[in-house]
Amino acid sequence: MKDPTLKLEWKGEVGLINRVERDVRLEEKTLAMANQLASGPWSLRSLRRLAWQAVNGDWRDVLESERKMQRNAGRWVDYRKSVVAFQANRTVGFVGA
């Protein structure tokens, strides 16, 4: 966003941006962030798919997809590891399966 009336600090406070990088490091930092997101829990990928489907999809189809995703999510190792980690008040390393 290149609106001179909005200060950079304010943009960060309200969530319009989450970081600023120099041009020479932008590609490196972008790829690192993409890899971090890609190695995250399976649920993030599923939520992203559901969000895109909700933009253009039929409401009933979207709800059916969410039902299937929620059912499948409970079967993944990440879900079980997350529950145990939450109960133990510790972080968890997601495996994506």
Protein backbone atom coordinates (compact mmCIF):
# COMPACT_ATOMS: atom_id res chain seq x y z
CA MET A 1 0.00 0.00 0.00
CA LYS A 2 1.46 3.32 -0.99
CA ASP A 3 -0.88 5.73 0.75
CA PRO A 4 1.31 8.47 2.23
CA THR A 5 -1.38 9.35 4.78
CA LEU A 6 -1.14 5.93 6.46
CA LYS A 7 1.96 5.55 8.58
CA LEU A 8 3.90 2.30 8.46
CA GLU A 9 3.53 1.71 12.20
CA TRP A 10 -0.26 2.06 11.99
CA LYS A 11 -0.42 -0.40 9.10
CA GLY A 12 1.33 -2.94 11.30
CA GLU A 13 -0.85 -2.25 14.32
CA VAL A 14 -4.08 -2.88 12.42
CA GLY A 15 -2.76 -5.93 10.59
CA LEU A 16 -2.48 -4.56 7.06
CA ILE A 17 1.15 -5.68 7.02
CA ASN A 18 3.13 -7.98 9.28
CA ARG A 19 6.70 -7.11 8.27
CA VAL A 20 8.82 -4.99 5.98
CA GLU A 21 11.86 -6.33 4.13
CA ARG A 22 14.51 -4.68 2.01
CA ASP A 23 14.20 -5.30 -1.73
CA VAL A 24 17.45 -7.29 -1.85
CA ARG A 25 16.12 -9.81 0.71
CA LEU A 26 12.48 -9.90 -0.40
CA GLU A 27 12.67 -13.07 -2.52
CA GLU A 28 14.70 -14.92 0.11
CA LYS A 29 12.31 -13.92 2.91
CA THR A 30 9.23 -14.67 0.80
CA LEU A 31 10.46 -18.19 0.00
CA ALA A 32 11.32 -18.79 3.66
CA MET A 33 7.83 -17.73 4.72
CA ALA A 34 6.23 -19.90 2.03
CA ASN A 35 8.25 -22.92 3.20
CA GLN A 36 7.28 -22.26 6.79
CA LEU A 37 3.59 -22.12 5.88
CA ALA A 38 3.86 -25.20 3.68
CA SER A 39 5.44 -27.20 6.49
CA GLY A 40 2.68 -26.18 8.88
CA PRO A 41 -0.25 -28.30 9.93
CA TRP A 42 -2.47 -30.00 7.39
CA SER A 43 -5.35 -27.90 8.73
CA LEU A 44 -3.89 -24.70 7.25
CA ARG A 45 -3.92 -26.18 3.76
CA SER A 46 -7.46 -27.44 4.27
CA LEU A 47 -8.70 -24.10 5.55
CA ARG A 48 -7.16 -22.32 2.59
CA ARG A 49 -8.95 -24.69 0.20
CA LEU A 50 -12.23 -24.17 2.03
CA ALA A 51 -11.83 -20.40 1.93
CA TRP A 52 -11.29 -20.41 -1.84
CA GLN A 53 -14.22 -22.75 -2.33
CA ALA A 54 -16.41 -20.45 -0.23
CA VAL A 55 -15.63 -17.53 -2.52
CA ASN A 56 -17.11 -19.15 -5.61
CA GLY A 57 -18.87 -22.29 -4.39
CA ASP A 58 -22.39 -23.19 -3.51
CA TRP A 59 -23.07 -22.82 0.24
CA ARG A 60 -24.22 -26.42 0.65
CA ASP A 61 -21.17 -27.72 -1.18
CA VAL A 62 -18.93 -25.62 1.04
CA LEU A 63 -20.61 -26.96 4.20
CA GLU A 64 -20.28 -30.52 2.95
CA SER A 65 -16.60 -29.96 2.23
CA GLU A 66 -16.11 -28.52 5.71
CA ARG A 67 -17.85 -31.53 7.25
CA LYS A 68 -15.51 -33.87 5.39
CA MET A 69 -12.45 -31.82 6.30
CA GLN A 70 -13.36 -31.78 9.99
CA ARG A 71 -13.95 -35.54 9.97
CA ASN A 72 -10.63 -36.18 8.24
CA ALA A 73 -8.76 -33.73 10.49
CA GLY A 74 -9.59 -35.81 13.55
CA ARG A 75 -7.86 -38.79 11.98
CA TRP A 76 -4.50 -37.12 11.39
CA VAL A 77 -1.44 -37.49 13.60
CA ASP A 78 -1.22 -33.69 13.78
CA TYR A 79 -4.61 -33.56 15.50
CA ARG A 80 -3.67 -36.14 18.12
CA LYS A 81 -0.28 -34.52 18.72
CA SER A 82 -1.96 -31.11 19.05
CA VAL A 83 -4.41 -32.33 21.67
CA VAL A 84 -1.63 -33.92 23.74
CA ALA A 85 0.55 -30.81 23.42
CA PHE A 86 -2.36 -28.55 24.40
CA GLN A 87 -3.07 -30.63 27.49
CA ALA A 88 0.61 -30.54 28.45
CA ASN A 89 0.82 -26.80 27.70
CA ARG A 90 3.67 -27.20 25.23
CA THR A 91 4.29 -26.56 21.53
CA VAL A 92 3.98 -29.27 18.93
CA GLY A 93 5.95 -30.10 15.78
CA PHE A 94 3.55 -30.85 12.97
CA VAL A 95 4.25 -33.77 10.67
CA GLY A 96 1.47 -33.22 8.13
CA ALA A 97 -0.03 -36.70 8.46
